[in-house]
Amino acid sequence: MRARAVRRGARGAVLGLGILWWWAAARLLLAPDAGVLEAAVAAGGWGLSLLPVHCMPKERAKGVFADGRWRRAWKAGAGTSAAGTSAAVTSPGAGPTASPRPRSGGESGLW
């Protein structure tokens, strides 16, 4: 019950701040007597929109790659033989593998 009240309060605050921002932006565009307060609210709201609020720590991200993954892939590719294969890459689970069939039914090309 308490979590629901907190969620509603947060939604209400976001809605209120959004209405305040739109009011300030509309006054800046439409009212000849708009001042510093409206400009500050509009600029602050725009600045907040640039924050990456949907970012999360790398450890919590879904499908995250382990640290050093690219370094290991680079080292595995450096040990290729004349035929163009590497023991580290050809072993199962050692690296990325391509699909056996093209998805479109055609061949891959430059374009």
PDB file of N, CA and C in Angstrom:
ATOM      1  N   MET A   1       0.815  -1.181   0.000  1.00  0.00           N
ATOM      2  CA  MET A   1       0.000   0.000   0.000  1.00  0.00           C
ATOM      3  C   MET A   1       0.866   1.255   0.000  1.00  0.00           C
ATOM      4  N   ARG A   2       1.933   1.216   0.788  1.00  0.00           N
ATOM      5  CA  ARG A   2       2.815   2.379   0.868  1.00  0.00           C
ATOM      6  C   ARG A   2       3.562   2.599  -0.449  1.00  0.00           C
ATOM      7  N   ALA A   3       3.979   1.499  -1.081  1.00  0.00           N
ATOM      8  CA  ALA A   3       4.693   1.609  -2.359  1.00  0.00           C
ATOM      9  C   ALA A   3       3.798   2.235  -3.419  1.00  0.00           C
ATOM     10  N   ARG A   4       2.521   1.876  -3.399  1.00  0.00           N
ATOM     11  CA  ARG A   4       1.589   2.447  -4.363  1.00  0.00           C
ATOM     12  C   ARG A   4       1.450   3.949  -4.155  1.00  0.00           C
ATOM     13  N   ALA A   5       1.394   4.373  -2.892  1.00  0.00           N
ATOM     14  CA  ALA A   5       1.288   5.806  -2.593  1.00  0.00           C
ATOM     15  C   ALA A   5       2.539   6.546  -3.055  1.00  0.00           C
ATOM     16  N   VAL A   6       3.707   5.933  -2.874  1.00  0.00           N
ATOM     17  CA  VAL A   6       4.958   6.558  -3.309  1.00  0.00           C
ATOM     18  C   VAL A   6       4.984   6.672  -4.822  1.00  0.00           C
ATOM     19  N   ARG A   7       4.531   5.599  -5.512  1.00  0.00           N
ATOM     20  CA  ARG A   7       4.479   5.633  -6.978  1.00  0.00           C
ATOM     21  C   ARG A   7       3.540   6.716  -7.474  1.00  0.00           C
ATOM     22  N   ARG A   8       2.378   6.806  -6.843  1.00  0.00           N
ATOM     23  CA  ARG A   8       1.428   7.848  -7.244  1.00  0.00           C
ATOM     24  C   ARG A   8       1.989   9.235  -6.985  1.00  0.00           C
ATOM     25  N   GLY A   9       2.663   9.392  -5.862  1.00  0.00           N
ATOM     26  CA  GLY A   9       3.275  10.690  -5.562  1.00  0.00           C
ATOM     27  C   GLY A   9       4.350  11.056  -6.563  1.00  0.00           C
ATOM     28  N   ALA A  10       5.157  10.076  -6.950  1.00  0.00           N
ATOM     29  CA  ALA A  10       6.211  10.326  -7.939  1.00  0.00           C
ATOM     30  C   ALA A  10       5.610  10.672  -9.289  1.00  0.00           C
ATOM     31  N   ARG A  11       4.558   9.948  -9.674  1.00  0.00           N
ATOM     32  CA  ARG A  11       3.898  10.249 -10.949  1.00  0.00           C
ATOM     33  C   ARG A  11       3.269  11.637 -10.919  1.00  0.00           C
ATOM     34  N   GLY A  12       2.680  11.973  -9.791  1.00  0.00           N
ATOM     35  CA  GLY A  12       2.083  13.303  -9.656  1.00  0.00           C
ATOM     36  C   GLY A  12       3.122  14.402  -9.746  1.00  0.00           C
ATOM     37  N   ALA A  13       4.277  14.164  -9.126  1.00  0.00           N
ATOM     38  CA  ALA A  13       5.353  15.164  -9.176  1.00  0.00           C
ATOM     39  C   ALA A  13       5.870  15.329 -10.600  1.00  0.00           C
ATOM     40  N   VAL A  14       6.049  14.236 -11.294  1.00  0.00           N
ATOM     41  CA  VAL A  14       6.521  14.301 -12.683  1.00  0.00           C
ATOM     42  C   VAL A  14       5.493  15.001 -13.556  1.00  0.00           C
ATOM     43  N   LEU A  15       4.225  14.674 -13.363  1.00  0.00           N
ATOM     44  CA  LEU A  15       3.168  15.328 -14.135  1.00  0.00           C
ATOM     45  C   LEU A  15       3.128  16.829 -13.844  1.00  0.00           C
ATOM     46  N   GLY A  16       3.241  17.191 -12.567  1.00  0.00           N
ATOM     47  CA  GLY A  16       3.243  18.604 -12.192  1.00  0.00           C
ATOM     48  C   GLY A  16       4.420  19.359 -12.779  1.00  0.00           C
ATOM     49  N   LEU A  17       5.596  18.758 -12.735  1.00  0.00           N
ATOM     50  CA  LEU A  17       6.780  19.408 -13.303  1.00  0.00           C
ATOM     51  C   LEU A  17       6.673  19.522 -14.823  1.00  0.00           C
ATOM     52  N   GLY A  18       6.075  18.508 -15.449  1.00  0.00           N
ATOM     53  CA  GLY A  18       5.870  18.577 -16.893  1.00  0.00           C
ATOM     54  C   GLY A  18       4.915  19.695 -17.274  1.00  0.00           C
ATOM     55  N   ILE A  19       3.840  19.850 -16.511  1.00  0.00           N
ATOM     56  CA  ILE A  19       2.890  20.942 -16.763  1.00  0.00           C
ATOM     57  C   ILE A  19       3.573  22.290 -16.549  1.00  0.00           C
ATOM     58  N   LEU A  20       4.378  22.392 -15.500  1.00  0.00           N
ATOM     59  CA  LEU A  20       5.104  23.636 -15.234  1.00  0.00           C
ATOM     60  C   LEU A  20       6.047  23.968 -16.388  1.00  0.00           C
ATOM     61  N   TRP A  21       6.730  22.962 -16.936  1.00  0.00           N
ATOM     62  CA  TRP A  21       7.642  23.206 -18.048  1.00  0.00           C
ATOM     63  C   TRP A  21       6.881  23.677 -19.282  1.00  0.00           C
ATOM     64  N   TRP A  22       5.776  23.005 -19.601  1.00  0.00           N
ATOM     65  CA  TRP A  22       4.985  23.417 -20.761  1.00  0.00           C
ATOM     66  C   TRP A  22       4.445  24.834 -20.585  1.00  0.00           C
ATOM     67  N   TRP A  23       4.020  25.180 -19.375  1.00  0.00           N
ATOM     68  CA  TRP A  23       3.542  26.537 -19.101  1.00  0.00           C
ATOM     69  C   TRP A  23       4.652  27.551 -19.385  1.00  0.00           C
ATOM     70  N   ALA A  24       5.861  27.258 -18.893  1.00  0.00           N
ATOM     71  CA  ALA A  24       6.976  28.183 -19.095  1.00  0.00           C
ATOM     72  C   ALA A  24       7.333  28.296 -20.579  1.00  0.00           C
ATOM     73  N   ALA A  25       7.354  27.179 -21.288  1.00  0.00           N
ATOM     74  CA  ALA A  25       7.680  27.206 -22.712  1.00  0.00           C
ATOM     75  C   ALA A  25       6.615  27.969 -23.499  1.00  0.00           C
ATOM     76  N   ALA A  26       5.347  27.755 -23.163  1.00  0.00           N
ATOM     77  CA  ALA A  26       4.278  28.468 -23.859  1.00  0.00           C
ATOM     78  C   ALA A  26       4.346  29.962 -23.574  1.00  0.00           C
ATOM     79  N   ARG A  27       4.638  30.339 -22.342  1.00  0.00           N
ATOM     80  CA  ARG A  27       4.743  31.765 -22.017  1.00  0.00           C
ATOM     81  C   ARG A  27       5.912  32.408 -22.747  1.00  0.00           C
ATOM     82  N   LEU A  28       7.010  31.676 -22.863  1.00  0.00           N
ATOM     83  CA  LEU A  28       8.158  32.234 -23.590  1.00  0.00           C
ATOM     84  C   LEU A  28       7.811  32.485 -25.057  1.00  0.00           C
ATOM     85  N   LEU A  29       7.027  31.588 -25.634  1.00  0.00           N
ATOM     86  CA  LEU A  29       6.686  31.724 -27.052  1.00  0.00           C
ATOM     87  C   LEU A  29       5.545  32.717 -27.300  1.00  0.00           C
ATOM     88  N   LEU A  30       4.582  32.774 -26.398  1.00  0.00           N
ATOM     89  CA  LEU A  30       3.356  33.511 -26.683  1.00  0.00           C
ATOM     90  C   LEU A  30       3.212  34.834 -25.949  1.00  0.00           C
ATOM     91  N   ALA A  31       3.796  34.963 -24.778  1.00  0.00           N
ATOM     92  CA  ALA A  31       3.584  36.171 -23.973  1.00  0.00           C
ATOM     93  C   ALA A  31       4.745  37.143 -24.159  1.00  0.00           C
ATOM     94  N   PRO A  32       4.449  38.389 -24.445  1.00  0.00           N
ATOM     95  CA  PRO A  32       5.534  39.359 -24.622  1.00  0.00           C
ATOM     96  C   PRO A  32       6.203  39.752 -23.298  1.00  0.00           C
ATOM     97  N   ASP A  33       5.517  39.514 -22.172  1.00  0.00           N
ATOM     98  CA  ASP A  33       6.097  39.907 -20.886  1.00  0.00           C
ATOM     99  C   ASP A  33       6.736  38.744 -20.143  1.00  0.00           C
ATOM    100  N   ALA A  34       7.059  37.645 -20.832  1.00  0.00           N
ATOM    101  CA  ALA A  34       7.720  36.506 -20.181  1.00  0.00           C
ATOM    102  C   ALA A  34       9.103  36.933 -19.716  1.00  0.00           C
ATOM    103  N   GLY A  35       9.475  36.433 -18.554  1.00  0.00           N
ATOM    104  CA  GLY A  35      10.726  36.898 -17.973  1.00  0.00           C
ATOM    105  C   GLY A  35      11.731  35.800 -17.697  1.00  0.00           C
ATOM    106  N   VAL A  36      12.579  36.103 -16.740  1.00  0.00           N
ATOM    107  CA  VAL A  36      13.694  35.221 -16.393  1.00  0.00           C
ATOM    108  C   VAL A  36      13.192  33.932 -15.764  1.00  0.00           C
ATOM    109  N   LEU A  37      12.121  33.989 -14.986  1.00  0.00           N
ATOM    110  CA  LEU A  37      11.594  32.788 -14.331  1.00  0.00           C
ATOM    111  C   LEU A  37      11.167  31.748 -15.362  1.00  0.00           C
ATOM    112  N   GLU A  38      10.411  32.167 -16.357  1.00  0.00           N
ATOM    113  CA  GLU A  38       9.976  31.236 -17.391  1.00  0.00           C
ATOM    114  C   GLU A  38      11.152  30.676 -18.175  1.00  0.00           C
ATOM    115  N   ALA A  39      12.121  31.527 -18.468  1.00  0.00           N
ATOM    116  CA  ALA A  39      13.307  31.074 -19.197  1.00  0.00           C
ATOM    117  C   ALA A  39      14.096  30.066 -18.378  1.00  0.00           C
ATOM    118  N   ALA A  40      14.224  30.301 -17.074  1.00  0.00           N
ATOM    119  CA  ALA A  40      14.972  29.385 -16.212  1.00  0.00           C
ATOM    120  C   ALA A  40      14.267  28.035 -16.103  1.00  0.00           C
ATOM    121  N   VAL A  41      12.936  28.048 -15.965  1.00  0.00           N
ATOM    122  CA  VAL A  41      12.183  26.793 -15.873  1.00  0.00           C
ATOM    123  C   VAL A  41      12.298  26.018 -17.185  1.00  0.00           C
ATOM    124  N   ALA A  42      12.138  26.710 -18.309  1.00  0.00           N
ATOM    125  CA  ALA A  42      12.219  26.031 -19.606  1.00  0.00           C
ATOM    126  C   ALA A  42      13.626  25.482 -19.861  1.00  0.00           C
ATOM    127  N   ALA A  43      14.638  26.265 -19.560  1.00  0.00           N
ATOM    128  CA  ALA A  43      16.016  25.802 -19.773  1.00  0.00           C
ATOM    129  C   ALA A  43      16.358  24.652 -18.830  1.00  0.00           C
ATOM    130  N   GLY A  44      15.899  24.740 -17.585  1.00  0.00           N
ATOM    131  CA  GLY A  44      16.168  23.658 -16.632  1.00  0.00           C
ATOM    132  C   GLY A  44      15.492  22.362 -17.031  1.00  0.00           C
ATOM    133  N   GLY A  45      14.242  22.446 -17.470  1.00  0.00           N
ATOM    134  CA  GLY A  45      13.543  21.241 -17.919  1.00  0.00           C
ATOM    135  C   GLY A  45      14.183  20.638 -19.142  1.00  0.00           C
ATOM    136  N   TRP A  46      14.619  21.484 -20.074  1.00  0.00           N
ATOM    137  CA  TRP A  46      15.292  20.975 -21.261  1.00  0.00           C
ATOM    138  C   TRP A  46      16.617  20.318 -20.879  1.00  0.00           C
ATOM    139  N   GLY A  47      17.341  20.942 -19.950  1.00  0.00           N
ATOM    140  CA  GLY A  47      18.609  20.364 -19.501  1.00  0.00           C
ATOM    141  C   GLY A  47      18.410  19.013 -18.831  1.00  0.00           C
ATOM    142  N   LEU A  48      17.338  18.875 -18.049  1.00  0.00           N
ATOM    143  CA  LEU A  48      17.056  17.585 -17.419  1.00  0.00           C
ATOM    144  C   LEU A  48      16.714  16.510 -18.442  1.00  0.00           C
ATOM    145  N   SER A  49      16.143  16.921 -19.554  1.00  0.00           N
ATOM    146  CA  SER A  49      15.799  15.929 -20.572  1.00  0.00           C
ATOM    147  C   SER A  49      17.041  15.332 -21.226  1.00  0.00           C
ATOM    148  N   LEU A  50      18.155  15.990 -21.085  1.00  0.00           N
ATOM    149  CA  LEU A  50      19.393  15.476 -21.678  1.00  0.00           C
ATOM    150  C   LEU A  50      20.104  14.456 -20.788  1.00  0.00           C
ATOM    151  N   LEU A  51      19.668  14.332 -19.534  1.00  0.00           N
ATOM    152  CA  LEU A  51      20.301  13.375 -18.631  1.00  0.00           C
ATOM    153  C   LEU A  51      19.975  11.946 -19.057  1.00  0.00           C
ATOM    154  N   PRO A  52      20.942  11.058 -18.987  1.00  0.00           N
ATOM    155  CA  PRO A  52      20.677   9.661 -19.342  1.00  0.00           C
ATOM    156  C   PRO A  52      20.029   8.918 -18.175  1.00  0.00           C
ATOM    157  N   VAL A  53      18.756   9.151 -17.942  1.00  0.00           N
ATOM    158  CA  VAL A  53      18.099   8.560 -16.783  1.00  0.00           C
ATOM    159  C   VAL A  53      17.801   7.078 -16.974  1.00  0.00           C
ATOM    160  N   HIS A  54      17.915   6.561 -18.182  1.00  0.00           N
ATOM    161  CA  HIS A  54      17.636   5.158 -18.408  1.00  0.00           C
ATOM    162  C   HIS A  54      18.900   4.304 -18.374  1.00  0.00           C
ATOM    163  N   CYS A  55      20.010   4.876 -17.987  1.00  0.00           N
ATOM    164  CA  CYS A  55      21.243   4.118 -17.894  1.00  0.00           C
ATOM    165  C   CYS A  55      21.239   3.329 -16.594  1.00  0.00           C
ATOM    166  N   MET A  56      21.944   2.236 -16.593  1.00  0.00           N
ATOM    167  CA  MET A  56      22.070   1.438 -15.377  1.00  0.00           C
ATOM    168  C   MET A  56      23.494   0.899 -15.302  1.00  0.00           C
ATOM    169  N   PRO A  57      23.909   0.472 -14.121  1.00  0.00           N
ATOM    170  CA  PRO A  57      25.261  -0.071 -13.997  1.00  0.00           C
ATOM    171  C   PRO A  57      25.471  -1.259 -14.931  1.00  0.00           C
ATOM    172  N   LYS A  58      26.681  -1.401 -15.425  1.00  0.00           N
ATOM    173  CA  LYS A  58      27.000  -2.438 -16.400  1.00  0.00           C
ATOM    174  C   LYS A  58      26.683  -3.835 -15.856  1.00  0.00           C
ATOM    175  N   GLU A  59      26.862  -4.041 -14.566  1.00  0.00           N
ATOM    176  CA  GLU A  59      26.640  -5.362 -13.986  1.00  0.00           C
ATOM    177  C   GLU A  59      25.166  -5.754 -14.022  1.00  0.00           C
ATOM    178  N   ARG A  60      24.260  -4.773 -14.027  1.00  0.00           N
ATOM    179  CA  ARG A  60      22.828  -5.064 -14.003  1.00  0.00           C
ATOM    180  C   ARG A  60      22.211  -5.101 -15.388  1.00  0.00           C
ATOM    181  N   ALA A  61      22.948  -4.694 -16.403  1.00  0.00           N
ATOM    182  CA  ALA A  61      22.392  -4.631 -17.756  1.00  0.00           C
ATOM    183  C   ALA A  61      22.179  -6.047 -18.297  1.00  0.00           C
ATOM    184  N   LYS A  62      21.080  -6.230 -19.020  1.00  0.00           N
ATOM    185  CA  LYS A  62      20.773  -7.538 -19.592  1.00  0.00           C
ATOM    186  C   LYS A  62      21.683  -7.778 -20.790  1.00  0.00           C
ATOM    187  N   GLY A  63      22.298  -8.955 -20.850  1.00  0.00           N
ATOM    188  CA  GLY A  63      23.170  -9.301 -21.961  1.00  0.00           C
ATOM    189  C   GLY A  63      24.507  -8.597 -21.915  1.00  0.00           C
ATOM    190  N   VAL A  64      24.977  -8.278 -20.723  1.00  0.00           N
ATOM    191  CA  VAL A  64      26.228  -7.540 -20.587  1.00  0.00           C
ATOM    192  C   VAL A  64      27.411  -8.438 -20.955  1.00  0.00           C
ATOM    193  N   PHE A  65      28.402  -7.843 -21.547  1.00  0.00           N
ATOM    194  CA  PHE A  65      29.616  -8.568 -21.876  1.00  0.00           C
ATOM    195  C   PHE A  65      30.605  -8.437 -20.730  1.00  0.00           C
ATOM    196  N   ALA A  66      31.356  -9.473 -20.489  1.00  0.00           N
ATOM    197  CA  ALA A  66      32.334  -9.456 -19.410  1.00  0.00           C
ATOM    198  C   ALA A  66      33.476  -8.502 -19.742  1.00  0.00           C
ATOM    199  N   ASP A  67      34.122  -7.994 -18.697  1.00  0.00           N
ATOM    200  CA  ASP A  67      35.273  -7.127 -18.905  1.00  0.00           C
ATOM    201  C   ASP A  67      36.378  -7.901 -19.616  1.00  0.00           C
ATOM    202  N   GLY A  68      37.033  -7.250 -20.545  1.00  0.00           N
ATOM    203  CA  GLY A  68      38.131  -7.869 -21.272  1.00  0.00           C
ATOM    204  C   GLY A  68      37.683  -8.729 -22.449  1.00  0.00           C
ATOM    205  N   ARG A  69      36.399  -8.730 -22.782  1.00  0.00           N
ATOM    206  CA  ARG A  69      35.910  -9.574 -23.872  1.00  0.00           C
ATOM    207  C   ARG A  69      36.573  -9.212 -25.192  1.00  0.00           C
ATOM    208  N   TRP A  70      36.654  -7.924 -25.488  1.00  0.00           N
ATOM    209  CA  TRP A  70      37.239  -7.506 -26.764  1.00  0.00           C
ATOM    210  C   TRP A  70      38.737  -7.784 -26.795  1.00  0.00           C
ATOM    211  N   ARG A  71      39.399  -7.638 -25.665  1.00  0.00           N
ATOM    212  CA  ARG A  71      40.839  -7.924 -25.605  1.00  0.00           C
ATOM    213  C   ARG A  71      41.090  -9.398 -25.892  1.00  0.00           C
ATOM    214  N   ARG A  72      40.265 -10.283 -25.289  1.00  0.00           N
ATOM    215  CA  ARG A  72      40.437 -11.719 -25.532  1.00  0.00           C
ATOM    216  C   ARG A  72      40.142 -12.069 -26.987  1.00  0.00           C
ATOM    217  N   ALA A  73      39.130 -11.453 -27.579  1.00  0.00           N
ATOM    218  CA  ALA A  73      38.812 -11.721 -28.978  1.00  0.00           C
ATOM    219  C   ALA A  73      39.945 -11.262 -29.886  1.00  0.00           C
ATOM    220  N   TRP A  74      40.545 -10.120 -29.553  1.00  0.00           N
ATOM    221  CA  TRP A  74      41.651  -9.610 -30.348  1.00  0.00           C
ATOM    222  C   TRP A  74      42.847 -10.560 -30.271  1.00  0.00           C
ATOM    223  N   LYS A  75      43.146 -11.042 -29.070  1.00  0.00           N
ATOM    224  CA  LYS A  75      44.270 -11.971 -28.906  1.00  0.00           C
ATOM    225  C   LYS A  75      43.981 -13.291 -29.613  1.00  0.00           C
ATOM    226  N   ALA A  76      42.727 -13.760 -29.574  1.00  0.00           N
ATOM    227  CA  ALA A  76      42.379 -15.014 -30.248  1.00  0.00           C
ATOM    228  C   ALA A  76      42.523 -14.858 -31.753  1.00  0.00           C
ATOM    229  N   GLY A  77      42.184 -13.693 -32.287  1.00  0.00           N
ATOM    230  CA  GLY A  77      42.313 -13.456 -33.719  1.00  0.00           C
ATOM    231  C   GLY A  77      43.748 -13.289 -34.150  1.00  0.00           C
ATOM    232  N   ALA A  78      44.627 -12.872 -33.229  1.00  0.00           N
ATOM    233  CA  ALA A  78      46.032 -12.674 -33.573  1.00  0.00           C
ATOM    234  C   ALA A  78      46.751 -14.002 -33.778  1.00  0.00           C
ATOM    235  N   GLY A  79      46.215 -15.090 -33.256  1.00  0.00           N
ATOM    236  CA  GLY A  79      46.858 -16.396 -33.383  1.00  0.00           C
ATOM    237  C   GLY A  79      46.335 -17.197 -34.547  1.00  0.00           C
ATOM    238  N   THR A  80      45.881 -16.558 -35.605  1.00  0.00           N
ATOM    239  CA  THR A  80      45.312 -17.294 -36.740  1.00  0.00           C
ATOM    240  C   THR A  80      46.413 -17.952 -37.554  1.00  0.00           C
ATOM    241  N   SER A  81      46.060 -19.045 -38.153  1.00  0.00           N
ATOM    242  CA  SER A  81      47.022 -19.764 -39.001  1.00  0.00           C
ATOM    243  C   SER A  81      46.901 -19.262 -40.437  1.00  0.00           C
ATOM    244  N   ALA A  82      47.629 -19.876 -41.338  1.00  0.00           N
ATOM    245  CA  ALA A  82      47.609 -19.470 -42.746  1.00  0.00           C
ATOM    246  C   ALA A  82      46.234 -19.719 -43.365  1.00  0.00           C
ATOM    247  N   ALA A  83      45.505 -20.715 -42.858  1.00  0.00           N
ATOM    248  CA  ALA A  83      44.184 -21.025 -43.402  1.00  0.00           C
ATOM    249  C   ALA A  83      43.140 -20.017 -42.918  1.00  0.00           C
ATOM    250  N   GLY A  84      43.500 -19.187 -41.966  1.00  0.00           N
ATOM    251  CA  GLY A  84      42.584 -18.167 -41.491  1.00  0.00           C
ATOM    252  C   GLY A  84      41.728 -18.589 -40.323  1.00  0.00           C
ATOM    253  N   THR A  85      42.072 -19.691 -39.658  1.00  0.00           N
ATOM    254  CA  THR A  85      41.309 -20.122 -38.494  1.00  0.00           C
ATOM    255  C   THR A  85      42.209 -20.131 -37.287  1.00  0.00           C
ATOM    256  N   SER A  86      41.611 -20.061 -36.154  1.00  0.00           N
ATOM    257  CA  SER A  86      42.359 -20.092 -34.908  1.00  0.00           C
ATOM    258  C   SER A  86      41.795 -21.202 -34.037  1.00  0.00           C
ATOM    259  N   ALA A  87      42.629 -21.827 -33.269  1.00  0.00           N
ATOM    260  CA  ALA A  87      42.168 -22.890 -32.382  1.00  0.00           C
ATOM    261  C   ALA A  87      41.217 -22.328 -31.332  1.00  0.00           C
ATOM    262  N   ALA A  88      41.488 -21.105 -30.875  1.00  0.00           N
ATOM    263  CA  ALA A  88      40.629 -20.514 -29.849  1.00  0.00           C
ATOM    264  C   ALA A  88      39.258 -20.163 -30.414  1.00  0.00           C
ATOM    265  N   VAL A  89      39.203 -19.770 -31.660  1.00  0.00           N
ATOM    266  CA  VAL A  89      37.942 -19.359 -32.248  1.00  0.00           C
ATOM    267  C   VAL A  89      37.135 -20.570 -32.690  1.00  0.00           C
ATOM    268  N   THR A  90      37.794 -21.632 -33.148  1.00  0.00           N
ATOM    269  CA  THR A  90      37.073 -22.789 -33.660  1.00  0.00           C
ATOM    270  C   THR A  90      36.558 -23.683 -32.551  1.00  0.00           C
ATOM    271  N   SER A  91      37.077 -23.560 -31.349  1.00  0.00           N
ATOM    272  CA  SER A  91      36.560 -24.389 -30.269  1.00  0.00           C
ATOM    273  C   SER A  91      35.185 -23.877 -29.854  1.00  0.00           C
ATOM    274  N   PRO A  92      34.269 -24.762 -29.475  1.00  0.00           N
ATOM    275  CA  PRO A  92      32.907 -24.341 -29.153  1.00  0.00           C
ATOM    276  C   PRO A  92      32.878 -23.376 -27.969  1.00  0.00           C
ATOM    277  N   GLY A  93      32.118 -22.332 -28.116  1.00  0.00           N
ATOM    278  CA  GLY A  93      31.943 -21.370 -27.041  1.00  0.00           C
ATOM    279  C   GLY A  93      33.087 -20.409 -26.857  1.00  0.00           C
ATOM    280  N   ALA A  94      34.090 -20.446 -27.727  1.00  0.00           N
ATOM    281  CA  ALA A  94      35.248 -19.589 -27.552  1.00  0.00           C
ATOM    282  C   ALA A  94      35.026 -18.184 -28.090  1.00  0.00           C
ATOM    283  N   GLY A  95      34.122 -18.019 -29.019  1.00  0.00           N
ATOM    284  CA  GLY A  95      33.920 -16.704 -29.602  1.00  0.00           C
ATOM    285  C   GLY A  95      32.608 -16.634 -30.346  1.00  0.00           C
ATOM    286  N   PRO A  96      32.348 -15.514 -30.946  1.00  0.00           N
ATOM    287  CA  PRO A  96      31.094 -15.373 -31.683  1.00  0.00           C
ATOM    288  C   PRO A  96      31.086 -16.251 -32.927  1.00  0.00           C
ATOM    289  N   THR A  97      29.927 -16.746 -33.265  1.00  0.00           N
ATOM    290  CA  THR A  97      29.805 -17.583 -34.457  1.00  0.00           C
ATOM    291  C   THR A  97      28.743 -16.992 -35.362  1.00  0.00           C
ATOM    292  N   ALA A  98      28.886 -17.209 -36.639  1.00  0.00           N
ATOM    293  CA  ALA A  98      27.928 -16.696 -37.613  1.00  0.00           C
ATOM    294  C   ALA A  98      26.814 -17.708 -37.810  1.00  0.00           C
ATOM    295  N   SER A  99      25.697 -17.236 -38.282  1.00  0.00           N
ATOM    296  CA  SER A  99      24.575 -18.111 -38.592  1.00  0.00           C
ATOM    297  C   SER A  99      24.957 -18.986 -39.777  1.00  0.00           C
ATOM    298  N   PRO A 100      24.555 -20.260 -39.787  1.00  0.00           N
ATOM    299  CA  PRO A 100      24.914 -21.128 -40.914  1.00  0.00           C
ATOM    300  C   PRO A 100      24.204 -20.739 -42.202  1.00  0.00           C
ATOM    301  N   ARG A 101      23.040 -20.094 -42.113  1.00  0.00           N
ATOM    302  CA  ARG A 101      22.307 -19.694 -43.305  1.00  0.00           C
ATOM    303  C   ARG A 101      22.076 -18.191 -43.280  1.00  0.00           C
ATOM    304  N   PRO A 102      22.151 -17.540 -44.431  1.00  0.00           N
ATOM    305  CA  PRO A 102      21.807 -16.118 -44.478  1.00  0.00           C
ATOM    306  C   PRO A 102      20.335 -15.930 -44.140  1.00  0.00           C
ATOM    307  N   ARG A 103      20.011 -14.902 -43.407  1.00  0.00           N
ATOM    308  CA  ARG A 103      18.629 -14.670 -42.995  1.00  0.00           C
ATOM    309  C   ARG A 103      17.725 -14.325 -44.171  1.00  0.00           C
ATOM    310  N   SER A 104      18.227 -13.577 -45.120  1.00  0.00           N
ATOM    311  CA  SER A 104      17.391 -13.139 -46.230  1.00  0.00           C
ATOM    312  C   SER A 104      17.281 -14.183 -47.329  1.00  0.00           C
ATOM    313  N   GLY A 105      18.031 -15.248 -47.241  1.00  0.00           N
ATOM    314  CA  GLY A 105      18.036 -16.250 -48.281  1.00  0.00           C
ATOM    315  C   GLY A 105      19.045 -15.949 -49.369  1.00  0.00           C
ATOM    316  N   GLY A 106      19.652 -14.779 -49.318  1.00  0.00           N
ATOM    317  CA  GLY A 106      20.631 -14.390 -50.311  1.00  0.00           C
ATOM    318  C   GLY A 106      22.037 -14.385 -49.718  1.00  0.00           C
ATOM    319  N   GLU A 107      22.972 -14.042 -50.525  1.00  0.00           N
ATOM    320  CA  GLU A 107      24.355 -13.972 -50.076  1.00  0.00           C
ATOM    321  C   GLU A 107      24.654 -12.613 -49.480  1.00  0.00           C
ATOM    322  N   SER A 108      25.615 -12.567 -48.574  1.00  0.00           N
ATOM    323  CA  SER A 108      26.010 -11.281 -48.049  1.00  0.00           C
ATOM    324  C   SER A 108      26.903 -10.604 -49.063  1.00  0.00           C
ATOM    325  N   GLY A 109      26.782  -9.316 -49.110  1.00  0.00           N
ATOM    326  CA  GLY A 109      27.587  -8.556 -50.041  1.00  0.00           C
ATOM    327  C   GLY A 109      27.904  -7.202 -49.460  1.00  0.00           C
ATOM    328  N   LEU A 110      28.578  -6.411 -50.239  1.00  0.00           N
ATOM    329  CA  LEU A 110      28.946  -5.073 -49.775  1.00  0.00           C
ATOM    330  C   LEU A 110      27.721  -4.222 -49.560  1.00  0.00           C
ATOM    331  N   TRP A 111      26.743  -4.302 -50.413  1.00  0.00           N
ATOM    332  CA  TRP A 111      25.544  -3.476 -50.293  1.00  0.00           C
ATOM    333  C   TRP A 111      24.382  -4.391 -50.134  1.00  0.00           C
TER     334      TRP A 111
END
